[in-house]
Amino acid sequence: MGIHESGSGNLPALSVVIPVLNEASGLALLCSTLRSQLADTDRSIELIFVDGGSTDGSADAIAALGFPCLHSGRGRAKQMNFGAAAATANYLLFLHADSELPDAAFNSVISALDAQPWGRFDVRISGDAKMFTIIAFFINWRSRLSGIATGDQGIFVRRKVFDAVGGFLDQALMEDVALSAALRKLSAPVCLRSKITTSGRRWQRRGIWRTILLMWRLRFMYWLGASPQSLAKRYE
């Protein structure tokens, strides 16, 4: 179901679940980065791509790049739960398709999960805008204070703990916040200082300040009890 590379053994040390939806343009870079990460560890790593119904040939592109791809219903939470169900490792890492892991990320995640139940990376945002450095600083600062991680930060968790909290809630938005809130009741997250790089495309497409205000408003409305479905409509 996945791809095992680096090291040996009956079970992989880490399963990496990557939900995909119309990401064809960035898959070559992502797969190249993952190959480099695999070469940088002697541990066995399982990579699981899960396509949610792409119309741009993403699933075929993943296969052409030498990686298997599962197919599930559309929705990031649904795709990640589907990938987690197929995973065979005791440790899970959920990686967005437009994110790039820091050096030695797999080893860092495995070491962190040896010590604590779950965690995430610090984040940096790719792009030319100077404001991205400030945005990333506050994302990381807020996460440390709140114990809440976003999917852009590369959430990792022990499989038993993920199963114990019921995985991701199958909702249209804020599935990462909901999972973090459940996990935080069990333990504070490991906050790795090494930075995962996420794309600044949503800020560039919508406008930086407009996106900041939108995300804060959506998060506030979510905590007030607004439905994820209604928030997703506002986000789109």
C-alpha atoms as a PDB file:
ATOM      1  CA  MET A   1       0.000   0.000   0.000  1.00  0.00           C
ATOM      2  CA  GLY A   2       2.880   2.361   0.701  1.00  0.00           C
ATOM      3  CA  ILE A   3       6.478   2.517  -0.377  1.00  0.00           C
ATOM      4  CA  HIS A   4       9.185   1.277   1.957  1.00  0.00           C
ATOM      5  CA  GLU A   5      12.674   2.613   1.495  1.00  0.00           C
ATOM      6  CA  SER A   6      15.792   2.910   3.657  1.00  0.00           C
ATOM      7  CA  GLY A   7      16.640   0.325   6.259  1.00  0.00           C
ATOM      8  CA  SER A   8      15.122  -3.065   6.851  1.00  0.00           C
ATOM      9  CA  GLY A   9      12.791  -4.831   9.227  1.00  0.00           C
ATOM     10  CA  ASN A  10       9.300  -6.210   9.254  1.00  0.00           C
ATOM     11  CA  LEU A  11       7.557  -2.912   9.926  1.00  0.00           C
ATOM     12  CA  PRO A  12       8.564   0.624   8.926  1.00  0.00           C
ATOM     13  CA  ALA A  13       9.621   3.006  11.670  1.00  0.00           C
ATOM     14  CA  LEU A  14       7.397   5.793  10.327  1.00  0.00           C
ATOM     15  CA  SER A  15       4.446   6.100   7.958  1.00  0.00           C
ATOM     16  CA  VAL A  16       4.139   9.431   6.134  1.00  0.00           C
ATOM     17  CA  VAL A  17       0.592  10.201   4.942  1.00  0.00           C
ATOM     18  CA  ILE A  18       0.292  12.799   2.163  1.00  0.00           C
ATOM     19  CA  PRO A  19      -3.201  13.905   1.055  1.00  0.00           C
ATOM     20  CA  VAL A  20      -3.318  15.158  -2.532  1.00  0.00           C
ATOM     21  CA  LEU A  21      -5.898  17.119  -4.497  1.00  0.00           C
ATOM     22  CA  ASN A  22      -4.890  18.752  -7.797  1.00  0.00           C
ATOM     23  CA  GLU A  23      -1.236  19.151  -6.863  1.00  0.00           C
ATOM     24  CA  ALA A  24       0.305  17.986 -10.163  1.00  0.00           C
ATOM     25  CA  SER A  25       2.424  21.109 -10.669  1.00  0.00           C
ATOM     26  CA  GLY A  26       4.348  20.624  -7.431  1.00  0.00           C
ATOM     27  CA  LEU A  27       4.642  16.854  -7.238  1.00  0.00           C
ATOM     28  CA  ALA A  28       8.021  16.530  -8.957  1.00  0.00           C
ATOM     29  CA  LEU A  29       9.623  18.795  -6.332  1.00  0.00           C
ATOM     30  CA  LEU A  30       7.813  17.059  -3.481  1.00  0.00           C
ATOM     31  CA  CYS A  31       8.859  13.584  -4.603  1.00  0.00           C
ATOM     32  CA  SER A  32      12.441  14.722  -5.168  1.00  0.00           C
ATOM     33  CA  THR A  33      12.532  16.111  -1.622  1.00  0.00           C
ATOM     34  CA  LEU A  34      11.106  12.899  -0.214  1.00  0.00           C
ATOM     35  CA  ARG A  35      13.736  10.856  -2.063  1.00  0.00           C
ATOM     36  CA  SER A  36      16.414  13.014  -0.450  1.00  0.00           C
ATOM     37  CA  GLN A  37      14.847  12.483   2.961  1.00  0.00           C
ATOM     38  CA  LEU A  38      14.782   8.729   2.427  1.00  0.00           C
ATOM     39  CA  ALA A  39      18.448   8.765   1.491  1.00  0.00           C
ATOM     40  CA  ASP A  40      19.197  10.710   4.671  1.00  0.00           C
ATOM     41  CA  THR A  41      18.018   7.995   7.073  1.00  0.00           C
ATOM     42  CA  ASP A  42      18.767   4.341   7.703  1.00  0.00           C
ATOM     43  CA  ARG A  43      15.277   3.790   9.121  1.00  0.00           C
ATOM     44  CA  SER A  44      12.507   2.151   7.122  1.00  0.00           C
ATOM     45  CA  ILE A  45       9.970   4.761   6.003  1.00  0.00           C
ATOM     46  CA  GLU A  46       6.543   4.153   4.462  1.00  0.00           C
ATOM     47  CA  LEU A  47       5.164   6.842   2.139  1.00  0.00           C
ATOM     48  CA  ILE A  48       1.414   6.868   1.524  1.00  0.00           C
ATOM     49  CA  PHE A  49      -0.074   9.294  -1.002  1.00  0.00           C
ATOM     50  CA  VAL A  50      -3.876   9.554  -0.897  1.00  0.00           C
ATOM     51  CA  ASP A  51      -5.616  11.249  -3.816  1.00  0.00           C
ATOM     52  CA  GLY A  52      -9.042  12.719  -3.155  1.00  0.00           C
ATOM     53  CA  GLY A  53     -10.311  12.860  -6.733  1.00  0.00           C
ATOM     54  CA  SER A  54      -7.828  15.096  -8.540  1.00  0.00           C
ATOM     55  CA  THR A  55      -8.766  16.249 -12.031  1.00  0.00           C
ATOM     56  CA  ASP A  56      -5.280  17.417 -13.056  1.00  0.00           C
ATOM     57  CA  GLY A  57      -3.598  13.999 -13.295  1.00  0.00           C
ATOM     58  CA  SER A  58      -2.004  14.125  -9.835  1.00  0.00           C
ATOM     59  CA  ALA A  59      -2.460  10.412  -9.159  1.00  0.00           C
ATOM     60  CA  ASP A  60      -0.902   9.471 -12.516  1.00  0.00           C
ATOM     61  CA  ALA A  61       1.974  11.886 -11.866  1.00  0.00           C
ATOM     62  CA  ILE A  62       2.669  10.265  -8.499  1.00  0.00           C
ATOM     63  CA  ALA A  63       2.758   6.826 -10.140  1.00  0.00           C
ATOM     64  CA  ALA A  64       5.045   8.111 -12.905  1.00  0.00           C
ATOM     65  CA  LEU A  65       7.414   9.424 -10.244  1.00  0.00           C
ATOM     66  CA  GLY A  66       7.649   5.944  -8.761  1.00  0.00           C
ATOM     67  CA  PHE A  67       5.304   6.202  -5.800  1.00  0.00           C
ATOM     68  CA  PRO A  68       2.040   4.314  -5.210  1.00  0.00           C
ATOM     69  CA  CYS A  69      -1.110   6.333  -4.631  1.00  0.00           C
ATOM     70  CA  LEU A  70      -4.281   5.343  -2.811  1.00  0.00           C
ATOM     71  CA  HIS A  71      -7.683   6.783  -3.671  1.00  0.00           C
ATOM     72  CA  SER A  72     -10.315   7.943  -1.218  1.00  0.00           C
ATOM     73  CA  GLY A  73     -13.256  10.294  -1.025  1.00  0.00           C
ATOM     74  CA  ARG A  74     -12.520  14.009  -1.219  1.00  0.00           C
ATOM     75  CA  GLY A  75     -11.647  15.930   1.925  1.00  0.00           C
ATOM     76  CA  ARG A  76      -8.296  16.291   3.657  1.00  0.00           C
ATOM     77  CA  ALA A  77      -9.517  14.702   6.916  1.00  0.00           C
ATOM     78  CA  LYS A  78     -11.067  11.788   5.030  1.00  0.00           C
ATOM     79  CA  GLN A  79      -7.893  11.283   2.976  1.00  0.00           C
ATOM     80  CA  MET A  80      -5.585  11.389   5.997  1.00  0.00           C
ATOM     81  CA  ASN A  81      -7.740   8.955   7.961  1.00  0.00           C
ATOM     82  CA  PHE A  82      -7.781   6.661   4.932  1.00  0.00           C
ATOM     83  CA  GLY A  83      -4.003   6.803   4.694  1.00  0.00           C
ATOM     84  CA  ALA A  84      -3.593   6.231   8.418  1.00  0.00           C
ATOM     85  CA  ALA A  85      -5.817   3.158   8.195  1.00  0.00           C
ATOM     86  CA  ALA A  86      -3.534   1.763   5.504  1.00  0.00           C
ATOM     87  CA  ALA A  87      -0.323   2.639   7.379  1.00  0.00           C
ATOM     88  CA  THR A  88       1.681  -0.137   9.012  1.00  0.00           C
ATOM     89  CA  ALA A  89       4.087   1.863  11.221  1.00  0.00           C
ATOM     90  CA  ASN A  90       3.515   2.703  14.872  1.00  0.00           C
ATOM     91  CA  TYR A  91       4.421   6.339  14.190  1.00  0.00           C
ATOM     92  CA  LEU A  92       2.537   8.628  11.780  1.00  0.00           C
ATOM     93  CA  LEU A  93       3.487  11.908  10.099  1.00  0.00           C
ATOM     94  CA  PHE A  94       0.871  13.899   8.179  1.00  0.00           C
ATOM     95  CA  LEU A  95       2.441  16.012   5.453  1.00  0.00           C
ATOM     96  CA  HIS A  96       0.712  18.513   3.188  1.00  0.00           C
ATOM     97  CA  ALA A  97       1.587  18.147  -0.487  1.00  0.00           C
ATOM     98  CA  ASP A  98       2.763  21.769  -0.742  1.00  0.00           C
ATOM     99  CA  SER A  99       5.158  21.454   2.200  1.00  0.00           C
ATOM    100  CA  GLU A 100       8.880  20.670   2.286  1.00  0.00           C
ATOM    101  CA  LEU A 101      10.453  18.874   5.224  1.00  0.00           C
ATOM    102  CA  PRO A 102      13.666  20.118   6.888  1.00  0.00           C
ATOM    103  CA  ASP A 103      16.864  18.084   6.759  1.00  0.00           C
ATOM    104  CA  ALA A 104      16.831  14.804   8.702  1.00  0.00           C
ATOM    105  CA  ALA A 105      13.099  15.232   9.337  1.00  0.00           C
ATOM    106  CA  PHE A 106      12.287  11.526   9.513  1.00  0.00           C
ATOM    107  CA  ASN A 107      14.945  10.899  12.159  1.00  0.00           C
ATOM    108  CA  SER A 108      13.746  13.943  14.121  1.00  0.00           C
ATOM    109  CA  VAL A 109      10.143  12.749  14.110  1.00  0.00           C
ATOM    110  CA  ILE A 110      11.049   9.215  15.188  1.00  0.00           C
ATOM    111  CA  SER A 111      13.232  10.514  18.047  1.00  0.00           C
ATOM    112  CA  ALA A 112      10.499  12.911  19.166  1.00  0.00           C
ATOM    113  CA  LEU A 113       7.845  10.187  19.183  1.00  0.00           C
ATOM    114  CA  ASP A 114      10.142   7.873  21.107  1.00  0.00           C
ATOM    115  CA  ALA A 115       9.899  10.450  23.899  1.00  0.00           C
ATOM    116  CA  GLN A 116       6.401  11.983  23.628  1.00  0.00           C
ATOM    117  CA  PRO A 117       3.041  11.055  22.079  1.00  0.00           C
ATOM    118  CA  TRP A 118       2.756  13.777  19.444  1.00  0.00           C
ATOM    119  CA  GLY A 119       4.196  16.967  18.058  1.00  0.00           C
ATOM    120  CA  ARG A 120       4.859  19.222  15.109  1.00  0.00           C
ATOM    121  CA  PHE A 121       7.586  21.264  13.411  1.00  0.00           C
ATOM    122  CA  ASP A 122       8.036  24.998  13.436  1.00  0.00           C
ATOM    123  CA  VAL A 123       6.978  26.442  10.083  1.00  0.00           C
ATOM    124  CA  ARG A 124       8.395  28.886   7.576  1.00  0.00           C
ATOM    125  CA  ILE A 125       6.518  30.223   4.552  1.00  0.00           C
ATOM    126  CA  SER A 126       8.049  30.221   1.093  1.00  0.00           C
ATOM    127  CA  GLY A 127       7.779  33.352  -1.028  1.00  0.00           C
ATOM    128  CA  ASP A 128       9.304  36.793  -1.450  1.00  0.00           C
ATOM    129  CA  ALA A 129       7.066  38.746   0.906  1.00  0.00           C
ATOM    130  CA  LYS A 130       8.935  39.944   4.003  1.00  0.00           C
ATOM    131  CA  MET A 131       5.677  39.610   5.906  1.00  0.00           C
ATOM    132  CA  PHE A 132       5.912  35.815   5.620  1.00  0.00           C
ATOM    133  CA  THR A 133       8.686  35.734   8.233  1.00  0.00           C
ATOM    134  CA  ILE A 134       6.467  37.621  10.679  1.00  0.00           C
ATOM    135  CA  ILE A 135       3.433  35.447   9.933  1.00  0.00           C
ATOM    136  CA  ALA A 136       5.454  32.271  10.515  1.00  0.00           C
ATOM    137  CA  PHE A 137       6.856  33.651  13.774  1.00  0.00           C
ATOM    138  CA  PHE A 138       3.373  34.262  15.142  1.00  0.00           C
ATOM    139  CA  ILE A 139       2.080  30.893  13.936  1.00  0.00           C
ATOM    140  CA  ASN A 140       4.873  29.155  15.840  1.00  0.00           C
ATOM    141  CA  TRP A 141       4.521  31.409  18.890  1.00  0.00           C
ATOM    142  CA  ARG A 142       0.759  30.906  19.036  1.00  0.00           C
ATOM    143  CA  SER A 143       1.195  27.152  18.682  1.00  0.00           C
ATOM    144  CA  ARG A 144       3.627  26.991  21.587  1.00  0.00           C
ATOM    145  CA  LEU A 145       1.286  28.965  23.820  1.00  0.00           C
ATOM    146  CA  SER A 146      -1.899  27.139  22.856  1.00  0.00           C
ATOM    147  CA  GLY A 147      -0.643  23.602  22.276  1.00  0.00           C
ATOM    148  CA  ILE A 148      -2.560  23.645  18.980  1.00  0.00           C
ATOM    149  CA  ALA A 149      -0.832  22.655  15.732  1.00  0.00           C
ATOM    150  CA  THR A 150      -1.939  23.244  12.155  1.00  0.00           C
ATOM    151  CA  GLY A 151      -1.487  20.827   9.288  1.00  0.00           C
ATOM    152  CA  ASP A 152       1.082  23.145   7.707  1.00  0.00           C
ATOM    153  CA  GLN A 153       3.348  22.355  10.660  1.00  0.00           C
ATOM    154  CA  GLY A 154       3.522  18.643   9.883  1.00  0.00           C
ATOM    155  CA  ILE A 155       1.651  16.948  12.735  1.00  0.00           C
ATOM    156  CA  PHE A 156       3.159  13.642  13.900  1.00  0.00           C
ATOM    157  CA  VAL A 157       1.685  11.214  16.413  1.00  0.00           C
ATOM    158  CA  ARG A 158       1.966   7.713  17.774  1.00  0.00           C
ATOM    159  CA  ARG A 159      -0.498   5.411  16.038  1.00  0.00           C
ATOM    160  CA  LYS A 160      -2.118   4.187  19.260  1.00  0.00           C
ATOM    161  CA  VAL A 161      -2.665   7.759  20.415  1.00  0.00           C
ATOM    162  CA  PHE A 162      -4.112   8.788  17.040  1.00  0.00           C
ATOM    163  CA  ASP A 163      -6.530   5.861  17.175  1.00  0.00           C
ATOM    164  CA  ALA A 164      -7.405   6.576  20.820  1.00  0.00           C
ATOM    165  CA  VAL A 165      -8.656  10.094  20.009  1.00  0.00           C
ATOM    166  CA  GLY A 166     -10.545   8.886  16.941  1.00  0.00           C
ATOM    167  CA  GLY A 167      -8.242  10.324  14.285  1.00  0.00           C
ATOM    168  CA  PHE A 168      -9.210  13.414  12.326  1.00  0.00           C
ATOM    169  CA  LEU A 169     -12.813  14.512  12.580  1.00  0.00           C
ATOM    170  CA  ASP A 170     -14.366  14.119   9.133  1.00  0.00           C
ATOM    171  CA  GLN A 171     -15.130  17.791   8.666  1.00  0.00           C
ATOM    172  CA  ALA A 172     -14.554  20.304   5.902  1.00  0.00           C
ATOM    173  CA  LEU A 173     -12.176  22.613   7.803  1.00  0.00           C
ATOM    174  CA  MET A 174     -10.243  22.849  11.085  1.00  0.00           C
ATOM    175  CA  GLU A 175      -9.658  19.091  11.239  1.00  0.00           C
ATOM    176  CA  ASP A 176      -6.077  19.793  12.348  1.00  0.00           C
ATOM    177  CA  VAL A 177      -7.233  22.113  15.141  1.00  0.00           C
ATOM    178  CA  ALA A 178      -9.760  19.521  16.334  1.00  0.00           C
ATOM    179  CA  LEU A 179      -7.124  16.773  16.384  1.00  0.00           C
ATOM    180  CA  SER A 180      -4.666  18.996  18.255  1.00  0.00           C
ATOM    181  CA  ALA A 181      -7.288  19.898  20.841  1.00  0.00           C
ATOM    182  CA  ALA A 182      -7.962  16.204  21.474  1.00  0.00           C
ATOM    183  CA  LEU A 183      -4.266  15.344  21.641  1.00  0.00           C
ATOM    184  CA  ARG A 184      -3.491  18.301  23.908  1.00  0.00           C
ATOM    185  CA  LYS A 185      -5.741  16.771  26.570  1.00  0.00           C
ATOM    186  CA  LEU A 186      -3.302  13.857  26.708  1.00  0.00           C
ATOM    187  CA  SER A 187      -0.020  15.692  26.357  1.00  0.00           C
ATOM    188  CA  ALA A 188       1.552  18.946  25.262  1.00  0.00           C
ATOM    189  CA  PRO A 189       3.079  18.660  21.782  1.00  0.00           C
ATOM    190  CA  VAL A 190       6.760  18.316  21.008  1.00  0.00           C
ATOM    191  CA  CYS A 191       7.599  21.564  19.175  1.00  0.00           C
ATOM    192  CA  LEU A 192      10.567  20.885  16.923  1.00  0.00           C
ATOM    193  CA  ARG A 193      12.622  23.982  16.149  1.00  0.00           C
ATOM    194  CA  SER A 194      13.615  22.713  12.717  1.00  0.00           C
ATOM    195  CA  LYS A 195      11.335  24.346  10.178  1.00  0.00           C
ATOM    196  CA  ILE A 196       8.993  22.735   7.689  1.00  0.00           C
ATOM    197  CA  THR A 197       8.472  24.983   4.647  1.00  0.00           C
ATOM    198  CA  THR A 198       4.930  25.581   3.490  1.00  0.00           C
ATOM    199  CA  SER A 199       3.839  27.364   0.337  1.00  0.00           C
ATOM    200  CA  GLY A 200       2.833  31.021   0.568  1.00  0.00           C
ATOM    201  CA  ARG A 201       0.484  30.628  -2.388  1.00  0.00           C
ATOM    202  CA  ARG A 202      -2.766  31.098  -0.459  1.00  0.00           C
ATOM    203  CA  TRP A 203      -1.537  34.387   1.000  1.00  0.00           C
ATOM    204  CA  GLN A 204      -0.281  35.549  -2.388  1.00  0.00           C
ATOM    205  CA  ARG A 205      -3.481  34.539  -4.153  1.00  0.00           C
ATOM    206  CA  ARG A 206      -5.901  36.120  -1.695  1.00  0.00           C
ATOM    207  CA  GLY A 207      -3.730  38.944  -0.366  1.00  0.00           C
ATOM    208  CA  ILE A 208      -1.633  38.707   2.792  1.00  0.00           C
ATOM    209  CA  TRP A 209      -3.684  40.890   5.143  1.00  0.00           C
ATOM    210  CA  ARG A 210      -6.963  39.609   3.803  1.00  0.00           C
ATOM    211  CA  THR A 211      -5.841  36.015   4.404  1.00  0.00           C
ATOM    212  CA  ILE A 212      -4.599  36.760   7.927  1.00  0.00           C
ATOM    213  CA  LEU A 213      -7.897  38.395   8.887  1.00  0.00           C
ATOM    214  CA  LEU A 214      -9.898  35.614   7.247  1.00  0.00           C
ATOM    215  CA  MET A 215      -8.061  32.836   9.081  1.00  0.00           C
ATOM    216  CA  TRP A 216      -8.332  34.567  12.451  1.00  0.00           C
ATOM    217  CA  ARG A 217     -12.040  35.172  11.877  1.00  0.00           C
ATOM    218  CA  LEU A 218     -12.660  31.562  10.847  1.00  0.00           C
ATOM    219  CA  ARG A 219     -10.747  30.218  13.836  1.00  0.00           C
ATOM    220  CA  PHE A 220     -12.645  32.504  16.219  1.00  0.00           C
ATOM    221  CA  MET A 221     -15.977  31.460  14.715  1.00  0.00           C
ATOM    222  CA  TYR A 222     -14.960  27.804  15.033  1.00  0.00           C
ATOM    223  CA  TRP A 223     -14.283  28.203  18.748  1.00  0.00           C
ATOM    224  CA  LEU A 224     -17.666  29.883  19.079  1.00  0.00           C
ATOM    225  CA  GLY A 225     -19.251  26.750  17.628  1.00  0.00           C
ATOM    226  CA  ALA A 226     -19.755  27.557  13.943  1.00  0.00           C
ATOM    227  CA  SER A 227     -19.991  24.448  11.773  1.00  0.00           C
ATOM    228  CA  PRO A 228     -16.873  23.502   9.767  1.00  0.00           C
ATOM    229  CA  GLN A 229     -19.059  23.244   6.650  1.00  0.00           C
ATOM    230  CA  SER A 230     -20.175  26.873   6.927  1.00  0.00           C
ATOM    231  CA  LEU A 231     -16.597  27.972   7.618  1.00  0.00           C
ATOM    232  CA  ALA A 232     -15.354  26.075   4.578  1.00  0.00           C
ATOM    233  CA  LYS A 233     -17.803  27.995   2.397  1.00  0.00           C
ATOM    234  CA  ARG A 234     -16.452  31.269   3.771  1.00  0.00           C
ATOM    235  CA  TYR A 235     -12.884  30.056   3.204  1.00  0.00           C
ATOM    236  CA  GLU A 236     -13.592  29.182  -0.424  1.00  0.00           C
END
